[in-house]
Amino acid sequence: MGKASALHETDLYAPVHDYLVAQGYTVRSEVKGCDITATKDDELIVIELKTSFSVSLLLQATERQRFADSVYVALPRPASGREARSHWRRVEHLLRRLELGLIFVSFPGGMPWVEVAFHPAPFEPRSRPRRRRAVLREAAARSGEYNQGGSSSKRRILTAYRENVLLVACCLSKFGPLSPAQIVALGGGPKAQGILSHNNYGWFERIERGVYGLTDKGRTALLEYPELVAHFQRQLATLPRVAKDA
């Protein structure tokens, strides 16, 4: 299994201690609850050792910021892999927001290796106006709240696009085969043509040139979202039947 599979906080101590000593610091352990203190002249650095990232680690580290000049968290170098990298990008972003430093400890070939991923620094948030606009557009485009918050929900998220596809399906369910122009006239939205031609979910079929109908898969999909479908059906019920001939 190797050393990395059974690491303890004490395994991280010696490599971090030696690294700091090599940088000219006087190092002491377990000082007033701090895992490691490092001093040089009037500078005080605190390092918290943990074998895994946790909220408890953040609570400890941010508490040390009350009196230390700089605070680092020291952790074993994380495993590689796409999912792990994505997770650690978020962890590193959080640590930077909290103005904490990050130290990785690894044992390649059984030998300890210390790497400072980044030092504590004032955090300057970067504005992401495109992401903000995208979130606002998506929230505004949804007709109501038909999702359940939390990752435990097994039903697919009802995005604004999926709502629009369901609305197109409701039009076909109520009025039968229609052209994209007729669906737009019924309030199916300007994206009706693209929704029908791309047919991303396999809900539609081409009946004849420029006319589309519902597949069995589309009819089944309508049963999966009864609340939203009922909402759309009420809207369509108020339309005159001649709208189909638009």
Protein backbone atom coordinates (compact mmCIF):
# COMPACT_ATOMS: atom_id res chain seq x y z
CA MET A 1 0.00 0.00 0.00
CA GLY A 2 2.86 2.38 0.72
CA LYS A 3 3.33 5.19 3.21
CA ALA A 4 0.78 7.57 1.59
CA SER A 5 -2.06 5.10 2.27
CA ALA A 6 -1.62 5.26 6.06
CA LEU A 7 -0.44 8.79 6.73
CA HIS A 8 -0.87 10.42 10.12
CA GLU A 9 -0.49 14.08 11.02
CA THR A 10 2.77 13.20 12.76
CA ASP A 11 4.14 11.94 9.42
CA LEU A 12 3.75 15.43 8.01
CA TYR A 13 5.53 17.10 10.90
CA ALA A 14 9.17 16.18 10.21
CA PRO A 15 9.18 17.18 6.52
CA VAL A 16 7.47 20.53 7.23
CA HIS A 17 9.74 21.13 10.25
CA ASP A 18 12.89 20.49 8.22
CA TYR A 19 11.67 22.65 5.35
CA LEU A 20 11.03 25.61 7.64
CA VAL A 21 14.35 25.21 9.42
CA ALA A 22 16.07 25.27 6.05
CA GLN A 23 14.32 28.61 5.40
CA GLY A 24 15.89 30.06 8.54
CA TYR A 25 12.92 29.76 10.91
CA THR A 26 12.91 28.64 14.51
CA VAL A 27 10.32 25.89 14.64
CA ARG A 28 8.31 24.65 17.62
CA SER A 29 5.39 22.21 17.76
CA GLU A 30 2.19 22.17 19.83
CA VAL A 31 2.42 25.76 21.04
CA LYS A 32 -0.89 26.96 22.53
CA GLY A 33 -2.83 24.54 20.35
CA CYS A 34 -0.93 25.33 17.13
CA ASP A 35 0.49 22.30 15.34
CA ILE A 36 3.61 24.17 14.23
CA THR A 37 4.88 27.68 14.90
CA ALA A 38 7.76 29.17 12.92
CA THR A 39 9.39 32.43 13.95
CA LYS A 40 12.00 34.64 12.36
CA ASP A 41 12.71 38.03 13.93
CA ASP A 42 9.20 39.38 14.69
CA GLU A 43 7.40 37.20 12.13
CA LEU A 44 5.08 34.46 13.38
CA ILE A 45 3.88 31.73 11.02
CA VAL A 46 1.44 28.99 12.02
CA ILE A 47 1.02 25.73 10.12
CA GLU A 48 -1.87 23.36 10.75
CA LEU A 49 -1.28 19.73 9.81
CA LYS A 50 -4.09 17.50 8.59
CA THR A 51 -4.28 14.28 6.59
CA SER A 52 -7.41 15.47 4.77
CA PHE A 53 -9.23 18.70 4.01
CA SER A 54 -12.15 19.47 6.31
CA VAL A 55 -14.26 22.24 7.79
CA SER A 56 -12.51 21.59 11.12
CA LEU A 57 -9.20 22.46 9.45
CA LEU A 58 -10.61 25.74 8.15
CA LEU A 59 -11.99 26.63 11.57
CA GLN A 60 -8.60 26.04 13.16
CA ALA A 61 -6.66 27.89 10.49
CA THR A 62 -8.90 30.96 10.45
CA GLU A 63 -8.77 31.11 14.24
CA ARG A 64 -4.95 31.25 14.04
CA GLN A 65 -5.24 34.27 11.72
CA ARG A 66 -6.32 36.29 14.75
CA PHE A 67 -2.74 36.42 16.01
CA ALA A 68 -0.37 35.01 13.39
CA ASP A 69 1.21 36.96 10.55
CA SER A 70 0.64 34.07 8.14
CA VAL A 71 -1.24 30.77 8.38
CA TYR A 72 -0.73 27.70 6.21
CA VAL A 73 -2.47 24.35 6.04
CA ALA A 74 -0.26 21.36 5.30
CA LEU A 75 -1.85 18.35 3.61
CA PRO A 76 -0.73 15.24 1.77
CA ARG A 77 -0.48 15.82 -1.97
CA PRO A 78 -3.87 14.83 -3.42
CA ALA A 79 -4.36 11.98 -5.83
CA SER A 80 -4.30 12.70 -9.53
CA GLY A 81 -7.26 12.26 -11.83
CA ARG A 82 -9.79 14.56 -13.46
CA GLU A 83 -12.33 14.46 -10.63
CA ALA A 84 -9.66 14.99 -7.98
CA ARG A 85 -8.20 17.96 -9.88
CA SER A 86 -11.63 19.55 -10.18
CA HIS A 87 -12.22 19.12 -6.45
CA TRP A 88 -8.86 20.58 -5.52
CA ARG A 89 -9.30 23.60 -7.76
CA ARG A 90 -12.33 24.46 -5.65
CA VAL A 91 -10.46 23.76 -2.41
CA GLU A 92 -7.58 25.98 -3.47
CA HIS A 93 -9.99 28.74 -4.46
CA LEU A 94 -11.57 28.56 -1.00
CA LEU A 95 -8.19 28.69 0.74
CA ARG A 96 -7.18 31.71 -1.33
CA ARG A 97 -10.47 33.45 -0.46
CA LEU A 98 -9.66 32.86 3.21
CA GLU A 99 -6.13 34.18 2.61
CA LEU A 100 -4.55 30.94 3.81
CA GLY A 101 -1.41 29.35 2.41
CA LEU A 102 -1.21 25.75 1.23
CA ILE A 103 1.63 23.27 1.68
CA PHE A 104 1.67 19.82 0.09
CA VAL A 105 3.69 16.96 1.54
CA SER A 106 4.41 13.85 -0.50
CA PHE A 107 6.68 10.84 -0.22
CA PRO A 108 7.91 9.92 -3.70
CA GLY A 109 10.02 6.80 -3.48
CA GLY A 110 9.55 6.87 0.28
CA MET A 111 11.40 10.19 0.63
CA PRO A 112 9.53 13.24 2.00
CA TRP A 113 8.96 16.20 -0.32
CA VAL A 114 7.51 19.57 0.69
CA GLU A 115 6.01 21.98 -1.82
CA VAL A 116 4.42 25.35 -1.07
CA ALA A 117 1.46 25.48 -3.46
CA PHE A 118 0.86 29.15 -2.64
CA HIS A 119 1.52 31.63 0.14
CA PRO A 120 -1.14 33.61 2.02
CA ALA A 121 -2.02 36.76 0.09
CA PRO A 122 -4.82 39.34 0.07
CA PHE A 123 -7.69 37.95 -1.94
CA GLU A 124 -8.99 40.02 -4.84
CA PRO A 125 -12.21 38.52 -6.20
CA ARG A 126 -12.50 38.53 -9.96
CA SER A 127 -15.80 39.60 -11.42
CA ARG A 128 -17.38 37.18 -13.90
CA PRO A 129 -20.08 39.22 -15.64
CA ARG A 130 -20.70 36.59 -18.34
CA ARG A 131 -21.36 33.91 -15.72
CA ARG A 132 -23.63 36.32 -13.82
CA ARG A 133 -25.61 37.14 -16.95
CA ALA A 134 -25.96 33.45 -17.79
CA VAL A 135 -27.34 32.66 -14.32
CA LEU A 136 -29.76 35.59 -14.44
CA ARG A 137 -30.97 34.62 -17.93
CA GLU A 138 -31.54 31.01 -16.92
CA ALA A 139 -33.42 31.97 -13.74
CA ALA A 140 -35.60 34.46 -15.60
CA ALA A 141 -36.39 32.05 -18.44
CA ARG A 142 -37.84 29.36 -16.18
CA SER A 143 -41.60 29.51 -15.82
CA GLY A 144 -41.61 28.51 -12.15
CA GLU A 145 -39.95 26.38 -9.50
CA TYR A 146 -40.24 22.78 -10.61
CA ASN A 147 -36.92 21.47 -9.29
CA GLN A 148 -36.00 20.28 -5.82
CA GLY A 149 -32.80 21.72 -4.43
CA GLY A 150 -30.08 19.31 -3.36
CA SER A 151 -28.00 16.73 -5.19
CA SER A 152 -30.13 13.85 -3.84
CA SER A 153 -32.90 14.55 -6.34
CA LYS A 154 -32.87 11.79 -9.01
CA ARG A 155 -35.09 13.58 -11.53
CA ARG A 156 -33.33 15.53 -14.26
CA ILE A 157 -33.05 19.25 -13.63
CA LEU A 158 -35.68 21.27 -15.43
CA THR A 159 -33.61 23.89 -17.22
CA ALA A 160 -35.19 26.71 -19.20
CA TYR A 161 -34.36 24.78 -22.39
CA ARG A 162 -35.98 21.58 -21.14
CA GLU A 163 -39.07 23.58 -20.14
CA ASN A 164 -39.24 24.95 -23.67
CA VAL A 165 -38.97 21.45 -25.13
CA LEU A 166 -41.80 20.33 -22.86
CA LEU A 167 -43.91 23.28 -23.99
CA VAL A 168 -43.38 22.29 -27.63
CA ALA A 169 -44.34 18.72 -26.71
CA CYS A 170 -47.50 20.00 -24.98
CA CYS A 171 -48.47 21.90 -28.13
CA LEU A 172 -48.15 18.73 -30.21
CA SER A 173 -49.96 16.67 -27.58
CA LYS A 174 -52.95 19.03 -27.55
CA PHE A 175 -53.24 20.00 -31.22
CA GLY A 176 -51.58 17.10 -33.04
CA PRO A 177 -48.85 17.46 -35.71
CA LEU A 178 -47.80 21.07 -36.26
CA SER A 179 -45.26 23.15 -38.11
CA PRO A 180 -42.67 25.20 -36.20
CA ALA A 181 -44.48 28.39 -37.23
CA GLN A 182 -47.73 27.09 -35.80
CA ILE A 183 -46.00 26.20 -32.52
CA VAL A 184 -44.50 29.68 -32.31
CA ALA A 185 -47.98 31.15 -32.87
CA LEU A 186 -49.25 29.02 -29.98
CA GLY A 187 -46.62 30.55 -27.69
CA GLY A 188 -44.06 27.78 -28.05
CA GLY A 189 -41.21 30.25 -28.26
CA PRO A 190 -38.86 31.37 -31.04
CA LYS A 191 -36.61 28.33 -30.52
CA ALA A 192 -39.30 25.89 -31.66
CA GLN A 193 -37.66 25.32 -35.07
CA GLY A 194 -34.29 24.45 -33.51
CA ILE A 195 -35.88 22.28 -30.83
CA LEU A 196 -37.73 20.22 -33.42
CA SER A 197 -34.89 19.92 -35.92
CA HIS A 198 -32.21 19.08 -33.36
CA ASN A 199 -34.55 16.77 -31.41
CA ASN A 200 -31.97 16.37 -28.65
CA TYR A 201 -34.21 14.19 -26.45
CA GLY A 202 -35.80 12.10 -29.21
CA TRP A 203 -39.29 13.34 -28.36
CA PHE A 204 -40.30 14.43 -31.87
CA GLU A 205 -40.65 12.90 -35.32
CA ARG A 206 -41.07 14.43 -38.74
CA ILE A 207 -44.51 13.57 -40.12
CA GLU A 208 -44.03 15.31 -43.44
CA ARG A 209 -42.03 18.21 -44.77
CA GLY A 210 -42.16 20.99 -42.14
CA VAL A 211 -44.61 19.15 -39.86
CA TYR A 212 -43.71 17.37 -36.63
CA GLY A 213 -45.42 15.09 -34.15
CA LEU A 214 -44.69 13.42 -30.81
CA THR A 215 -42.89 10.10 -30.41
CA ASP A 216 -43.79 7.57 -27.72
CA LYS A 217 -40.74 8.78 -25.82
CA GLY A 218 -42.12 12.32 -25.95
CA ARG A 219 -45.50 11.20 -24.61
CA THR A 220 -43.78 9.36 -21.77
CA ALA A 221 -41.72 12.47 -20.96
CA LEU A 222 -44.92 14.48 -20.47
CA LEU A 223 -45.95 12.05 -17.73
CA GLU A 224 -42.68 12.68 -15.85
CA TYR A 225 -43.44 16.37 -15.23
CA PRO A 226 -47.16 16.52 -14.39
CA GLU A 227 -47.07 19.85 -12.56
CA LEU A 228 -45.31 21.74 -15.36
CA VAL A 229 -47.33 20.00 -18.07
CA ALA A 230 -50.56 20.97 -16.29
CA HIS A 231 -49.30 24.58 -16.19
CA PHE A 232 -48.65 24.57 -19.94
CA GLN A 233 -51.97 22.86 -20.68
CA ARG A 234 -53.81 25.59 -18.80
CA GLN A 235 -52.02 28.18 -20.92
CA LEU A 236 -52.86 26.37 -24.15
CA ALA A 237 -56.50 25.92 -23.12
CA THR A 238 -56.99 29.69 -23.27
CA LEU A 239 -55.89 29.88 -26.91
CA PRO A 240 -58.42 29.85 -29.75
CA ARG A 241 -58.39 26.71 -31.86
CA VAL A 242 -57.71 28.74 -34.98
CA ALA A 243 -54.22 29.43 -33.61
CA LYS A 244 -53.26 26.04 -35.03
CA ASP A 245 -53.80 27.40 -38.50
CA ALA A 246 -51.31 30.27 -38.05
